């Protein structure tokens, strides 16, 4: 029995060594993938911004002065450049924060199986947006300061969450799987942040309508993620909002809104280098899945063998 346990332990050591080697290979693949993804994201953000300003809201863009248009373009380019570095940085510090969901905001449609916004939440967002549209353009200094302070707190929290409290050991399949899951979540979260920052720039420049509040964008993106993407240009979120203009006459107004919404699947599809990296990641993920299965099997065998040995050592006939 002791020899059997020793053999199982040797097998476990071999599996851990294999996992360490796979972890190094996976890191190298992710590094190349994130470099390519950063470059592709930069290009796709600029293309999406171009379409939104020239096809989505051409009148609003033309109302800007030459210097205002130039500043908006430069700000978008800076966001795109920073995104390349931020995406690559996730390789060493993937965030473990999950995307929050709320039963008060989203529910499951039992007929279609998809996620949808609750009517109360959507009505509240639209009502707030319509009120905001009727308010003066200038924001009081106190409100402006508070909004800026809230944004700084949010950015600080995101930066702090992006670093792990302790290094992850990657010689066990479960630990390597956890590392990969956190990294994938961090990539998606960075794209969400880039989309949000881009929409803020467009809103501040007067391109995006006040009828498109940030909570509505985030909720709509969650609903879309649960189903199929709407047809149209890539990395843009198309919304059609219907609001009652006169409750007595039961007439309604339909408004079509567009915003930046970077999607990982669309960025990968548009860039062959990124798509190739994703295929390589899937291949290594399959190997990792097999390693997890074998490792769990050996751990089970070791536990059974040790339990049998412990039974025999304490057993005696009365």
Foldseek 3Di string as FASTA:
>chain_A
DVVVLVVLVVVLQVLLVVQVVLLVVLLVLQLLLLLLLLVLQLVQQLVQVVCCCVPVFVVLNVVDDPVLNVVLSVVSNVLSVVLSVQLSVLSQFFFPDDDDDDPQAWDADPVVRFIDGDPVVVVVLQVVLVVVQPDDPDDDPVVVVVVVVVVVVVVVVLVVRRHDPDDQDRSALVRSVSSVVSSVRRNQVSLVVSQVVSQVSCVVSVSFGSSDDPVNVVSQVRRCVRDPADDDDPQKHWDWDWAQPDVVVRDIDIDIGMGGHHDPVVSLVVDVSSVVSVVVSVVSVVVSVVSNVVSVVSVVVSVVVVVVVVCVVPDDDD
